[in-house]
Amino acid sequence: MTGPLWARWVFAVLFAATGVFCLAGMLVAWRAPSATKMSDGAASDTAHLLMALGMFVMFVPLATPIPPAYWAGVIGAHSVWLGFRLFRTFRNEARDGRSRLGKAHLGTHIVTGAVMAYFFTTLPADGLSGSDQAHLGHVVESNVVFTTVGWLAAMYFVGHAMRCGIRIVVPVPVRARPRGHEPIGGVSTCPAVQTDLSLRLVMALGMSYMLLTML
């Protein structure tokens, strides 16, 4: 991770707070009597928690005991699980003739996880010990694939951050959706939707900053 030390600490604290918030939400949901299976909200909170932990590790300018390969494996496996979940939902809803837009937000989690897993794999075994900046600079200069993926991901996350910010600040009329699904056409005043958009905005801003300072 590159960039000024103070900025790294700001993002590290922000993602630590995000992780604590998501963990608290998951614990409350799991203690509820109706929480008998993994709902869309719980799956989203799990994704946010895992991504927040990964981003915290990337930003905090301190040594961490877990090697990058372990982070890449866990985050990559979670992204694959989300991909299967999204595919299964698309298949079932297409068979039943229902709209598939309610699960589109999972796509962002999949992209985020895939990008994070890829960048974790580029780090050396001690890449989270504070000596990864020179290595990343070498990778950026010598690896065309790394640079291409980085710029494409940066453009995606900048656009996603702008979209989330606009939908938070400028609500627009929406059509009702079944409970647990994101409304069609914009953002509602539902606290759960606003919270999910805010979490995605934080993640997109962090990913954008990380990628743009790295490239």
N, C-alpha and C. Protein backbone atom coordinates (compact mmCIF):
# COMPACT_ATOMS: atom_id res chain seq x y z
N MET A 1 0.84 -1.18 0.00
CA MET A 1 0.00 0.00 0.00
C MET A 1 0.88 1.24 0.00
N THR A 2 0.51 2.20 -0.85
CA THR A 2 1.25 3.44 -0.94
C THR A 2 0.39 4.59 -0.41
N GLY A 3 0.91 5.82 -0.52
CA GLY A 3 0.19 6.99 -0.05
C GLY A 3 0.72 7.48 1.27
N PRO A 4 0.35 8.72 1.65
CA PRO A 4 0.84 9.28 2.92
C PRO A 4 0.36 8.46 4.12
N LEU A 5 1.18 8.48 5.17
CA LEU A 5 0.88 7.67 6.35
C LEU A 5 -0.43 8.07 7.00
N TRP A 6 -0.70 9.38 7.07
CA TRP A 6 -1.93 9.82 7.74
C TRP A 6 -3.17 9.33 7.00
N ALA A 7 -3.12 9.30 5.67
CA ALA A 7 -4.26 8.82 4.89
C ALA A 7 -4.49 7.33 5.11
N ARG A 8 -3.40 6.58 5.23
CA ARG A 8 -3.52 5.16 5.48
C ARG A 8 -4.18 4.90 6.83
N TRP A 9 -3.81 5.69 7.82
CA TRP A 9 -4.42 5.52 9.14
C TRP A 9 -5.90 5.90 9.12
N VAL A 10 -6.24 6.96 8.39
CA VAL A 10 -7.65 7.37 8.30
C VAL A 10 -8.49 6.25 7.71
N PHE A 11 -8.03 5.67 6.61
CA PHE A 11 -8.78 4.59 5.99
C PHE A 11 -8.78 3.33 6.86
N ALA A 12 -7.66 3.08 7.55
CA ALA A 12 -7.61 1.91 8.42
C ALA A 12 -8.65 2.01 9.54
N VAL A 13 -8.73 3.18 10.16
CA VAL A 13 -9.72 3.39 11.23
C VAL A 13 -11.13 3.31 10.67
N LEU A 14 -11.34 3.87 9.47
CA LEU A 14 -12.66 3.85 8.85
C LEU A 14 -13.12 2.42 8.57
N PHE A 15 -12.22 1.60 8.06
CA PHE A 15 -12.59 0.22 7.76
C PHE A 15 -12.70 -0.62 9.03
N ALA A 16 -11.93 -0.31 10.05
CA ALA A 16 -12.10 -1.00 11.33
C ALA A 16 -13.49 -0.72 11.90
N ALA A 17 -13.91 0.53 11.84
CA ALA A 17 -15.25 0.89 12.32
C ALA A 17 -16.32 0.22 11.46
N THR A 18 -16.09 0.14 10.16
CA THR A 18 -17.04 -0.53 9.28
C THR A 18 -17.17 -2.00 9.64
N GLY A 19 -16.04 -2.65 9.90
CA GLY A 19 -16.07 -4.06 10.29
C GLY A 19 -16.81 -4.29 11.59
N VAL A 20 -16.58 -3.43 12.57
CA VAL A 20 -17.28 -3.56 13.86
C VAL A 20 -18.78 -3.37 13.67
N PHE A 21 -19.16 -2.40 12.85
CA PHE A 21 -20.58 -2.13 12.58
C PHE A 21 -21.25 -3.35 11.93
N CYS A 22 -20.59 -3.92 10.92
CA CYS A 22 -21.15 -5.08 10.23
C CYS A 22 -21.23 -6.29 11.15
N LEU A 23 -20.21 -6.49 11.97
CA LEU A 23 -20.22 -7.61 12.90
C LEU A 23 -21.36 -7.47 13.90
N ALA A 24 -21.58 -6.26 14.41
CA ALA A 24 -22.68 -6.03 15.34
C ALA A 24 -24.02 -6.32 14.67
N GLY A 25 -24.16 -5.88 13.41
CA GLY A 25 -25.40 -6.15 12.69
C GLY A 25 -25.64 -7.63 12.46
N MET A 26 -24.57 -8.37 12.18
CA MET A 26 -24.71 -9.81 11.98
C MET A 26 -25.10 -10.51 13.27
N LEU A 27 -24.51 -10.09 14.39
CA LEU A 27 -24.84 -10.71 15.67
C LEU A 27 -26.29 -10.45 16.04
N VAL A 28 -26.78 -9.25 15.79
CA VAL A 28 -28.18 -8.93 16.07
C VAL A 28 -29.09 -9.77 15.20
N ALA A 29 -28.74 -9.91 13.90
CA ALA A 29 -29.58 -10.68 12.99
C ALA A 29 -29.61 -12.16 13.37
N TRP A 30 -28.45 -12.70 13.76
CA TRP A 30 -28.38 -14.12 14.11
C TRP A 30 -29.14 -14.44 15.41
N ARG A 31 -29.25 -13.45 16.29
CA ARG A 31 -29.97 -13.67 17.55
C ARG A 31 -31.47 -13.55 17.37
N ALA A 32 -31.91 -13.01 16.24
CA ALA A 32 -33.34 -12.85 16.00
C ALA A 32 -33.99 -14.22 15.77
N PRO A 33 -35.19 -14.44 16.28
CA PRO A 33 -35.85 -15.75 16.12
C PRO A 33 -36.08 -16.14 14.67
N SER A 34 -36.27 -15.15 13.78
CA SER A 34 -36.59 -15.44 12.39
C SER A 34 -35.37 -15.73 11.55
N ALA A 35 -34.18 -15.58 12.11
CA ALA A 35 -32.95 -15.76 11.33
C ALA A 35 -32.62 -17.25 11.22
N THR A 36 -33.36 -17.95 10.38
CA THR A 36 -33.18 -19.38 10.24
C THR A 36 -32.25 -19.75 9.10
N LYS A 37 -31.96 -18.81 8.21
CA LYS A 37 -31.06 -19.09 7.10
C LYS A 37 -30.40 -17.80 6.66
N MET A 38 -29.40 -17.94 5.82
CA MET A 38 -28.65 -16.78 5.35
C MET A 38 -29.52 -15.94 4.42
N SER A 39 -29.93 -14.77 4.87
CA SER A 39 -30.74 -13.88 4.05
C SER A 39 -29.84 -13.01 3.19
N ASP A 40 -30.46 -12.22 2.29
CA ASP A 40 -29.68 -11.32 1.46
C ASP A 40 -28.94 -10.30 2.32
N GLY A 41 -29.64 -9.79 3.37
CA GLY A 41 -28.98 -8.81 4.22
C GLY A 41 -27.81 -9.40 4.97
N ALA A 42 -27.94 -10.64 5.45
CA ALA A 42 -26.84 -11.29 6.16
C ALA A 42 -25.68 -11.58 5.22
N ALA A 43 -25.98 -12.00 3.99
CA ALA A 43 -24.92 -12.25 3.01
C ALA A 43 -24.18 -10.96 2.68
N SER A 44 -24.93 -9.86 2.57
CA SER A 44 -24.29 -8.58 2.28
C SER A 44 -23.42 -8.13 3.45
N ASP A 45 -23.93 -8.30 4.68
CA ASP A 45 -23.15 -7.92 5.86
C ASP A 45 -21.88 -8.76 5.97
N THR A 46 -21.98 -10.06 5.64
CA THR A 46 -20.80 -10.92 5.67
C THR A 46 -19.76 -10.44 4.68
N ALA A 47 -20.22 -10.08 3.47
CA ALA A 47 -19.30 -9.58 2.45
C ALA A 47 -18.66 -8.28 2.90
N HIS A 48 -19.47 -7.37 3.45
CA HIS A 48 -18.92 -6.09 3.92
C HIS A 48 -17.90 -6.32 5.02
N LEU A 49 -18.18 -7.23 5.94
CA LEU A 49 -17.26 -7.50 7.05
C LEU A 49 -15.94 -8.04 6.53
N LEU A 50 -15.99 -9.00 5.64
CA LEU A 50 -14.76 -9.60 5.11
C LEU A 50 -13.96 -8.58 4.31
N MET A 51 -14.65 -7.79 3.50
CA MET A 51 -13.95 -6.77 2.71
C MET A 51 -13.35 -5.70 3.62
N ALA A 52 -14.08 -5.32 4.68
CA ALA A 52 -13.56 -4.32 5.60
C ALA A 52 -12.30 -4.83 6.30
N LEU A 53 -12.29 -6.10 6.68
CA LEU A 53 -11.09 -6.67 7.30
C LEU A 53 -9.92 -6.67 6.33
N GLY A 54 -10.19 -7.07 5.08
CA GLY A 54 -9.13 -7.08 4.09
C GLY A 54 -8.59 -5.69 3.81
N MET A 55 -9.47 -4.70 3.72
CA MET A 55 -9.03 -3.34 3.46
C MET A 55 -8.28 -2.77 4.66
N PHE A 56 -8.71 -3.13 5.87
CA PHE A 56 -7.99 -2.69 7.06
C PHE A 56 -6.55 -3.21 7.04
N VAL A 57 -6.40 -4.49 6.70
CA VAL A 57 -5.06 -5.08 6.65
C VAL A 57 -4.20 -4.39 5.59
N MET A 58 -4.82 -4.04 4.46
CA MET A 58 -4.07 -3.38 3.40
C MET A 58 -3.64 -1.96 3.78
N PHE A 59 -4.49 -1.27 4.51
CA PHE A 59 -4.22 0.14 4.81
C PHE A 59 -3.38 0.34 6.06
N VAL A 60 -3.58 -0.48 7.08
CA VAL A 60 -2.89 -0.22 8.34
C VAL A 60 -1.37 -0.37 8.14
N PRO A 61 -0.59 0.63 8.53
CA PRO A 61 0.87 0.58 8.31
C PRO A 61 1.60 -0.19 9.40
N LEU A 62 1.10 -1.36 9.74
CA LEU A 62 1.71 -2.19 10.77
C LEU A 62 1.82 -3.62 10.24
N ALA A 63 2.71 -4.38 10.86
CA ALA A 63 2.87 -5.78 10.47
C ALA A 63 1.64 -6.58 10.91
N THR A 64 1.21 -7.51 10.07
CA THR A 64 0.11 -8.39 10.41
C THR A 64 0.58 -9.84 10.31
N PRO A 65 0.12 -10.70 11.21
CA PRO A 65 0.67 -12.07 11.28
C PRO A 65 0.18 -13.00 10.18
N ILE A 66 -0.92 -12.67 9.50
CA ILE A 66 -1.49 -13.57 8.50
C ILE A 66 -0.90 -13.24 7.13
N PRO A 67 -0.27 -14.20 6.45
CA PRO A 67 0.34 -13.94 5.14
C PRO A 67 -0.71 -13.56 4.09
N PRO A 68 -0.30 -12.82 3.06
CA PRO A 68 -1.24 -12.41 2.00
C PRO A 68 -1.94 -13.58 1.33
N ALA A 69 -1.26 -14.72 1.19
CA ALA A 69 -1.87 -15.86 0.51
C ALA A 69 -3.12 -16.34 1.23
N TYR A 70 -3.14 -16.27 2.55
CA TYR A 70 -4.32 -16.69 3.31
C TYR A 70 -5.48 -15.74 3.06
N TRP A 71 -5.20 -14.44 3.05
CA TRP A 71 -6.24 -13.46 2.75
C TRP A 71 -6.79 -13.67 1.36
N ALA A 72 -5.90 -13.91 0.39
CA ALA A 72 -6.33 -14.14 -0.98
C ALA A 72 -7.23 -15.36 -1.07
N GLY A 73 -6.87 -16.42 -0.35
CA GLY A 73 -7.67 -17.64 -0.39
C GLY A 73 -9.05 -17.45 0.21
N VAL A 74 -9.12 -16.82 1.37
CA VAL A 74 -10.40 -16.63 2.04
C VAL A 74 -11.31 -15.69 1.24
N ILE A 75 -10.76 -14.55 0.82
CA ILE A 75 -11.56 -13.59 0.08
C ILE A 75 -11.97 -14.16 -1.28
N GLY A 76 -11.05 -14.87 -1.93
CA GLY A 76 -11.38 -15.48 -3.21
C GLY A 76 -12.47 -16.53 -3.07
N ALA A 77 -12.39 -17.37 -2.03
CA ALA A 77 -13.40 -18.39 -1.81
C ALA A 77 -14.76 -17.76 -1.52
N HIS A 78 -14.77 -16.68 -0.77
CA HIS A 78 -16.03 -15.99 -0.47
C HIS A 78 -16.63 -15.40 -1.74
N SER A 79 -15.81 -14.87 -2.62
CA SER A 79 -16.31 -14.31 -3.88
C SER A 79 -16.90 -15.41 -4.75
N VAL A 80 -16.26 -16.58 -4.77
CA VAL A 80 -16.81 -17.71 -5.53
C VAL A 80 -18.16 -18.13 -4.96
N TRP A 81 -18.25 -18.16 -3.62
CA TRP A 81 -19.54 -18.51 -2.98
C TRP A 81 -20.63 -17.51 -3.36
N LEU A 82 -20.30 -16.21 -3.35
CA LEU A 82 -21.27 -15.20 -3.75
C LEU A 82 -21.65 -15.37 -5.21
N GLY A 83 -20.69 -15.76 -6.05
CA GLY A 83 -20.98 -15.98 -7.46
C GLY A 83 -21.97 -17.12 -7.64
N PHE A 84 -21.77 -18.23 -6.92
CA PHE A 84 -22.72 -19.34 -6.99
C PHE A 84 -24.09 -18.92 -6.48
N ARG A 85 -24.10 -18.13 -5.42
CA ARG A 85 -25.37 -17.65 -4.86
C ARG A 85 -26.10 -16.78 -5.86
N LEU A 86 -25.37 -15.90 -6.52
CA LEU A 86 -25.99 -15.02 -7.51
C LEU A 86 -26.47 -15.82 -8.72
N PHE A 87 -25.67 -16.77 -9.17
CA PHE A 87 -26.07 -17.60 -10.31
C PHE A 87 -27.32 -18.41 -9.99
N ARG A 88 -27.37 -18.98 -8.81
CA ARG A 88 -28.53 -19.77 -8.41
C ARG A 88 -29.79 -18.91 -8.35
N THR A 89 -29.63 -17.67 -7.84
CA THR A 89 -30.76 -16.76 -7.77
C THR A 89 -31.24 -16.38 -9.16
N PHE A 90 -30.31 -16.05 -10.05
CA PHE A 90 -30.69 -15.70 -11.42
C PHE A 90 -31.42 -16.87 -12.08
N ARG A 91 -30.92 -18.09 -11.88
CA ARG A 91 -31.54 -19.26 -12.50
C ARG A 91 -32.95 -19.48 -11.97
N ASN A 92 -33.11 -19.38 -10.65
CA ASN A 92 -34.42 -19.61 -10.05
C ASN A 92 -35.42 -18.53 -10.43
N GLU A 93 -34.97 -17.28 -10.41
CA GLU A 93 -35.89 -16.19 -10.73
C GLU A 93 -36.23 -16.16 -12.21
N ALA A 94 -35.28 -16.55 -13.06
CA ALA A 94 -35.58 -16.63 -14.49
C ALA A 94 -36.60 -17.74 -14.76
N ARG A 95 -36.49 -18.83 -14.04
CA ARG A 95 -37.42 -19.94 -14.19
C ARG A 95 -38.81 -19.56 -13.71
N ASP A 96 -38.87 -18.74 -12.65
CA ASP A 96 -40.16 -18.33 -12.09
C ASP A 96 -40.71 -17.09 -12.76
N GLY A 97 -39.93 -16.47 -13.66
CA GLY A 97 -40.39 -15.27 -14.35
C GLY A 97 -40.34 -14.02 -13.52
N ARG A 98 -39.47 -13.99 -12.50
CA ARG A 98 -39.36 -12.81 -11.64
C ARG A 98 -38.16 -11.96 -12.05
N SER A 99 -38.16 -10.72 -11.56
CA SER A 99 -37.06 -9.82 -11.87
C SER A 99 -35.80 -10.25 -11.15
N ARG A 100 -34.64 -10.01 -11.77
CA ARG A 100 -33.36 -10.40 -11.19
C ARG A 100 -32.58 -9.21 -10.64
N LEU A 101 -33.19 -8.02 -10.64
CA LEU A 101 -32.45 -6.83 -10.24
C LEU A 101 -32.21 -6.76 -8.74
N GLY A 102 -32.98 -7.50 -7.96
CA GLY A 102 -32.87 -7.40 -6.51
C GLY A 102 -31.54 -7.89 -5.96
N LYS A 103 -30.82 -8.73 -6.70
CA LYS A 103 -29.56 -9.27 -6.23
C LYS A 103 -28.35 -8.65 -6.95
N ALA A 104 -28.60 -7.60 -7.72
CA ALA A 104 -27.51 -7.02 -8.50
C ALA A 104 -26.39 -6.50 -7.61
N HIS A 105 -26.72 -6.10 -6.36
CA HIS A 105 -25.70 -5.55 -5.48
C HIS A 105 -24.63 -6.59 -5.12
N LEU A 106 -24.99 -7.88 -5.23
CA LEU A 106 -23.99 -8.91 -4.94
C LEU A 106 -22.86 -8.89 -5.96
N GLY A 107 -23.16 -8.41 -7.17
CA GLY A 107 -22.12 -8.31 -8.19
C GLY A 107 -20.98 -7.42 -7.76
N THR A 108 -21.31 -6.32 -7.08
CA THR A 108 -20.27 -5.41 -6.60
C THR A 108 -19.39 -6.10 -5.57
N HIS A 109 -19.99 -6.89 -4.68
CA HIS A 109 -19.19 -7.63 -3.70
C HIS A 109 -18.27 -8.63 -4.39
N ILE A 110 -18.75 -9.26 -5.44
CA ILE A 110 -17.94 -10.23 -6.17
C ILE A 110 -16.75 -9.54 -6.82
N VAL A 111 -17.00 -8.39 -7.47
CA VAL A 111 -15.91 -7.65 -8.11
C VAL A 111 -14.89 -7.19 -7.07
N THR A 112 -15.39 -6.65 -5.95
CA THR A 112 -14.48 -6.18 -4.91
C THR A 112 -13.62 -7.31 -4.37
N GLY A 113 -14.25 -8.45 -4.08
CA GLY A 113 -13.50 -9.58 -3.56
C GLY A 113 -12.49 -10.12 -4.55
N ALA A 114 -12.87 -10.17 -5.83
CA ALA A 114 -11.96 -10.68 -6.85
C ALA A 114 -10.74 -9.77 -6.99
N VAL A 115 -10.96 -8.47 -6.98
CA VAL A 115 -9.84 -7.52 -7.10
C VAL A 115 -8.93 -7.61 -5.89
N MET A 116 -9.52 -7.68 -4.69
CA MET A 116 -8.70 -7.76 -3.48
C MET A 116 -7.90 -9.06 -3.45
N ALA A 117 -8.55 -10.17 -3.82
CA ALA A 117 -7.84 -11.45 -3.83
C ALA A 117 -6.68 -11.41 -4.81
N TYR A 118 -6.90 -10.79 -5.97
CA TYR A 118 -5.83 -10.72 -6.97
C TYR A 118 -4.64 -9.92 -6.46
N PHE A 119 -4.92 -8.78 -5.84
CA PHE A 119 -3.82 -7.95 -5.35
C PHE A 119 -3.11 -8.58 -4.16
N PHE A 120 -3.83 -9.34 -3.35
CA PHE A 120 -3.16 -10.06 -2.27
C PHE A 120 -2.20 -11.10 -2.83
N THR A 121 -2.58 -11.73 -3.95
CA THR A 121 -1.70 -12.74 -4.54
C THR A 121 -0.43 -12.14 -5.12
N THR A 122 -0.42 -10.84 -5.42
CA THR A 122 0.78 -10.21 -5.98
C THR A 122 1.80 -9.86 -4.92
N LEU A 123 1.40 -9.90 -3.65
CA LEU A 123 2.32 -9.54 -2.58
C LEU A 123 3.23 -10.71 -2.22
N PRO A 124 4.45 -10.43 -1.81
CA PRO A 124 5.33 -11.51 -1.34
C PRO A 124 4.84 -12.04 -0.01
N ALA A 125 5.48 -13.09 0.47
CA ALA A 125 5.04 -13.74 1.71
C ALA A 125 5.04 -12.78 2.89
N ASP A 126 5.97 -11.81 2.89
CA ASP A 126 6.03 -10.83 3.99
C ASP A 126 5.49 -9.48 3.52
N GLY A 127 4.60 -9.51 2.53
CA GLY A 127 4.12 -8.26 1.95
C GLY A 127 3.27 -7.41 2.86
N LEU A 128 2.81 -7.94 3.99
CA LEU A 128 2.01 -7.17 4.93
C LEU A 128 2.81 -6.77 6.15
N SER A 129 4.13 -6.81 6.01
CA SER A 129 4.98 -6.46 7.15
C SER A 129 5.46 -5.02 7.08
N GLY A 130 4.96 -4.26 6.09
CA GLY A 130 5.36 -2.86 5.95
C GLY A 130 6.39 -2.64 4.87
N SER A 131 6.86 -3.71 4.21
CA SER A 131 7.86 -3.56 3.17
C SER A 131 7.31 -3.80 1.78
N ASP A 132 5.98 -3.67 1.63
CA ASP A 132 5.35 -4.03 0.37
C ASP A 132 5.33 -2.88 -0.64
N GLN A 133 5.63 -1.65 -0.24
CA GLN A 133 5.52 -0.52 -1.15
C GLN A 133 6.49 -0.64 -2.32
N ALA A 134 7.74 -0.97 -2.06
CA ALA A 134 8.70 -1.11 -3.15
C ALA A 134 8.33 -2.27 -4.06
N HIS A 135 7.84 -3.35 -3.46
CA HIS A 135 7.45 -4.50 -4.28
C HIS A 135 6.30 -4.14 -5.20
N LEU A 136 5.29 -3.43 -4.68
CA LEU A 136 4.16 -3.04 -5.51
C LEU A 136 4.60 -2.12 -6.64
N GLY A 137 5.51 -1.22 -6.34
CA GLY A 137 6.02 -0.35 -7.39
C GLY A 137 6.68 -1.13 -8.50
N HIS A 138 7.43 -2.17 -8.13
CA HIS A 138 8.07 -3.01 -9.13
C HIS A 138 7.05 -3.78 -9.95
N VAL A 139 5.99 -4.28 -9.28
CA VAL A 139 4.96 -5.03 -9.98
C VAL A 139 4.23 -4.14 -10.98
N VAL A 140 3.90 -2.92 -10.56
CA VAL A 140 3.19 -2.00 -11.44
C VAL A 140 4.02 -1.69 -12.68
N GLU A 141 5.32 -1.52 -12.52
CA GLU A 141 6.19 -1.17 -13.64
C GLU A 141 6.42 -2.35 -14.58
N SER A 142 6.39 -3.57 -14.07
CA SER A 142 6.79 -4.72 -14.88
C SER A 142 5.65 -5.62 -15.32
N ASN A 143 4.48 -5.49 -14.73
CA ASN A 143 3.37 -6.40 -15.01
C ASN A 143 2.25 -5.65 -15.72
N VAL A 144 2.07 -5.93 -17.00
CA VAL A 144 1.03 -5.26 -17.79
C VAL A 144 -0.35 -5.68 -17.32
N VAL A 145 -0.51 -6.96 -16.97
CA VAL A 145 -1.81 -7.45 -16.51
C VAL A 145 -2.22 -6.74 -15.22
N PHE A 146 -1.27 -6.62 -14.29
CA PHE A 146 -1.55 -5.94 -13.03
C PHE A 146 -2.01 -4.50 -13.28
N THR A 147 -1.30 -3.80 -14.16
CA THR A 147 -1.64 -2.41 -14.45
C THR A 147 -3.00 -2.29 -15.12
N THR A 148 -3.28 -3.19 -16.07
CA THR A 148 -4.55 -3.15 -16.78
C THR A 148 -5.72 -3.43 -15.84
N VAL A 149 -5.58 -4.49 -15.06
CA VAL A 149 -6.62 -4.82 -14.09
C VAL A 149 -6.81 -3.68 -13.10
N GLY A 150 -5.70 -3.09 -12.67
CA GLY A 150 -5.78 -1.99 -11.71
C GLY A 150 -6.54 -0.80 -12.24
N TRP A 151 -6.26 -0.39 -13.47
CA TRP A 151 -6.96 0.77 -14.04
C TRP A 151 -8.43 0.48 -14.30
N LEU A 152 -8.73 -0.70 -14.79
CA LEU A 152 -10.14 -1.06 -15.01
C LEU A 152 -10.90 -1.08 -13.69
N ALA A 153 -10.29 -1.67 -12.66
CA ALA A 153 -10.93 -1.72 -11.35
C ALA A 153 -11.08 -0.31 -10.77
N ALA A 154 -10.07 0.53 -10.94
CA ALA A 154 -10.15 1.90 -10.42
C ALA A 154 -11.30 2.66 -11.05
N MET A 155 -11.46 2.54 -12.37
CA MET A 155 -12.57 3.22 -13.05
C MET A 155 -13.91 2.68 -12.56
N TYR A 156 -13.98 1.37 -12.35
CA TYR A 156 -15.23 0.78 -11.86
C TYR A 156 -15.59 1.32 -10.49
N PHE A 157 -14.63 1.35 -9.58
CA PHE A 157 -14.93 1.76 -8.21
C PHE A 157 -15.17 3.27 -8.10
N VAL A 158 -14.50 4.06 -8.91
CA VAL A 158 -14.80 5.50 -8.92
C VAL A 158 -16.24 5.72 -9.37
N GLY A 159 -16.64 5.03 -10.44
CA GLY A 159 -18.01 5.15 -10.91
C GLY A 159 -19.01 4.65 -9.89
N HIS A 160 -18.68 3.55 -9.22
CA HIS A 160 -19.59 3.00 -8.22
C HIS A 160 -19.72 3.93 -7.02
N ALA A 161 -18.61 4.56 -6.62
CA ALA A 161 -18.67 5.51 -5.51
C ALA A 161 -19.56 6.70 -5.86
N MET A 162 -19.44 7.19 -7.08
CA MET A 162 -20.28 8.32 -7.52
C MET A 162 -21.75 7.91 -7.53
N ARG A 163 -22.02 6.72 -8.01
CA ARG A 163 -23.41 6.24 -8.08
C ARG A 163 -24.01 6.11 -6.69
N CYS A 164 -23.28 5.50 -5.76
CA CYS A 164 -23.78 5.36 -4.39
C CYS A 164 -23.97 6.71 -3.73
N GLY A 165 -23.02 7.63 -3.93
CA GLY A 165 -23.15 8.95 -3.34
C GLY A 165 -24.37 9.70 -3.85
N ILE A 166 -24.62 9.60 -5.16
CA ILE A 166 -25.78 10.28 -5.73
C ILE A 166 -27.07 9.70 -5.20
N ARG A 167 -27.12 8.38 -5.08
CA ARG A 167 -28.34 7.73 -4.61
C ARG A 167 -28.59 8.00 -3.13
N ILE A 168 -27.54 8.30 -2.37
CA ILE A 168 -27.72 8.64 -0.96
C ILE A 168 -28.22 10.07 -0.81
N VAL A 169 -27.63 10.97 -1.59
CA VAL A 169 -27.93 12.40 -1.44
C VAL A 169 -29.21 12.80 -2.17
N VAL A 170 -29.45 12.18 -3.32
CA VAL A 170 -30.60 12.57 -4.15
C VAL A 170 -31.54 11.38 -4.30
N PRO A 171 -32.46 11.20 -3.35
CA PRO A 171 -33.43 10.10 -3.49
C PRO A 171 -34.35 10.34 -4.68
N VAL A 172 -34.76 9.26 -5.32
CA VAL A 172 -35.68 9.35 -6.45
C VAL A 172 -36.81 8.37 -6.21
N PRO A 173 -37.96 8.59 -6.88
CA PRO A 173 -39.08 7.66 -6.69
C PRO A 173 -38.68 6.25 -7.07
N VAL A 174 -39.23 5.31 -6.34
CA VAL A 174 -38.93 3.91 -6.59
C VAL A 174 -40.20 3.09 -6.67
N ARG A 175 -40.09 1.95 -7.28
CA ARG A 175 -41.17 0.97 -7.27
C ARG A 175 -40.90 -0.04 -6.18
N ALA A 176 -41.93 -0.45 -5.50
CA ALA A 176 -41.75 -1.34 -4.35
C ALA A 176 -41.17 -2.67 -4.80
N ARG A 177 -40.38 -3.23 -3.91
CA ARG A 177 -39.79 -4.54 -4.14
C ARG A 177 -40.16 -5.45 -2.96
N PRO A 178 -40.07 -6.76 -3.14
CA PRO A 178 -40.32 -7.65 -2.00
C PRO A 178 -39.34 -7.37 -0.87
N ARG A 179 -39.72 -7.71 0.32
CA ARG A 179 -38.87 -7.45 1.48
C ARG A 179 -37.53 -8.15 1.32
N GLY A 180 -36.45 -7.40 1.64
CA GLY A 180 -35.11 -7.95 1.53
C GLY A 180 -34.44 -7.66 0.21
N HIS A 181 -35.16 -7.00 -0.72
CA HIS A 181 -34.59 -6.70 -2.02
C HIS A 181 -34.37 -5.20 -2.14
N GLU A 182 -33.45 -4.81 -2.98
CA GLU A 182 -33.18 -3.41 -3.22
C GLU A 182 -34.24 -2.84 -4.15
N PRO A 183 -34.78 -1.64 -3.88
CA PRO A 183 -35.82 -1.08 -4.74
C PRO A 183 -35.31 -0.84 -6.16
N ILE A 184 -36.24 -0.86 -7.11
CA ILE A 184 -35.90 -0.60 -8.50
C ILE A 184 -35.99 0.90 -8.76
N GLY A 185 -35.03 1.43 -9.49
CA GLY A 185 -35.13 2.79 -9.99
C GLY A 185 -34.43 3.83 -9.14
N GLY A 186 -33.95 3.52 -7.97
CA GLY A 186 -33.27 4.53 -7.17
C GLY A 186 -33.16 4.09 -5.73
N VAL A 187 -33.22 5.05 -4.83
CA VAL A 187 -33.04 4.75 -3.41
C VAL A 187 -34.28 5.17 -2.65
N SER A 188 -34.69 4.39 -1.71
CA SER A 188 -35.81 4.73 -0.86
C SER A 188 -35.27 5.32 0.44
N THR A 189 -36.20 5.68 1.32
CA THR A 189 -35.79 6.19 2.63
C THR A 189 -35.61 5.07 3.64
N CYS A 190 -35.67 3.82 3.20
CA CYS A 190 -35.50 2.68 4.09
C CYS A 190 -34.10 2.72 4.71
N PRO A 191 -33.98 2.68 6.04
CA PRO A 191 -32.66 2.73 6.67
C PRO A 191 -31.73 1.62 6.22
N ALA A 192 -32.29 0.42 5.99
CA ALA A 192 -31.44 -0.70 5.57
C ALA A 192 -30.81 -0.42 4.21
N VAL A 193 -31.57 0.15 3.29
CA VAL A 193 -31.04 0.47 1.96
C VAL A 193 -30.00 1.57 2.05
N GLN A 194 -30.29 2.60 2.84
CA GLN A 194 -29.33 3.70 3.01
C GLN A 194 -28.04 3.20 3.65
N THR A 195 -28.16 2.31 4.62
CA THR A 195 -26.97 1.77 5.28
C THR A 195 -26.13 0.96 4.30
N ASP A 196 -26.78 0.12 3.49
CA ASP A 196 -26.05 -0.69 2.52
C ASP A 196 -25.35 0.20 1.50
N LEU A 197 -26.02 1.26 1.05
CA LEU A 197 -25.40 2.18 0.11
C LEU A 197 -24.20 2.89 0.74
N SER A 198 -24.32 3.26 2.01
CA SER A 198 -23.21 3.94 2.70
C SER A 198 -22.02 3.02 2.85
N LEU A 199 -22.26 1.76 3.18
CA LEU A 199 -21.16 0.80 3.30
C LEU A 199 -20.49 0.58 1.95
N ARG A 200 -21.28 0.48 0.89
CA ARG A 200 -20.70 0.31 -0.44
C ARG A 200 -19.92 1.55 -0.87
N LEU A 201 -20.39 2.74 -0.45
CA LEU A 201 -19.67 3.97 -0.76
C LEU A 201 -18.31 3.99 -0.08
N VAL A 202 -18.26 3.60 1.20
CA VAL A 202 -16.99 3.56 1.92
C VAL A 202 -16.03 2.58 1.24
N MET A 203 -16.53 1.41 0.88
CA MET A 203 -15.69 0.41 0.24
C MET A 203 -15.18 0.90 -1.11
N ALA A 204 -16.06 1.52 -1.89
CA ALA A 204 -15.66 2.01 -3.21
C ALA A 204 -14.63 3.13 -3.10
N LEU A 205 -14.79 4.02 -2.13
CA LEU A 205 -13.82 5.09 -1.94
C LEU A 205 -12.46 4.53 -1.54
N GLY A 206 -12.47 3.55 -0.63
CA GLY A 206 -11.21 2.94 -0.21
C GLY A 206 -10.52 2.23 -1.35
N MET A 207 -11.28 1.46 -2.13
CA MET A 207 -10.70 0.75 -3.26
C MET A 207 -10.17 1.73 -4.30
N SER A 208 -10.92 2.81 -4.56
CA SER A 208 -10.48 3.81 -5.54
C SER A 208 -9.17 4.45 -5.10
N TYR A 209 -9.10 4.85 -3.83
CA TYR A 209 -7.88 5.49 -3.34
C TYR A 209 -6.70 4.52 -3.41
N MET A 210 -6.90 3.28 -2.98
CA MET A 210 -5.84 2.30 -2.98
C MET A 210 -5.30 2.08 -4.39
N LEU A 211 -6.20 1.91 -5.35
CA LEU A 211 -5.78 1.61 -6.71
C LEU A 211 -5.11 2.81 -7.38
N LEU A 212 -5.68 4.00 -7.19
CA LEU A 212 -5.14 5.18 -7.86
C LEU A 212 -3.76 5.57 -7.30
N THR A 213 -3.55 5.35 -6.00
CA THR A 213 -2.22 5.66 -5.45
C THR A 213 -1.21 4.58 -5.76
N MET A 214 -1.70 3.39 -6.11
CA MET A 214 -0.82 2.28 -6.41
C MET A 214 -0.33 2.32 -7.85
N LEU A 215 -1.17 2.83 -8.75
CA LEU A 215 -0.86 2.77 -10.19
C LEU A 215 -0.01 3.95 -10.64
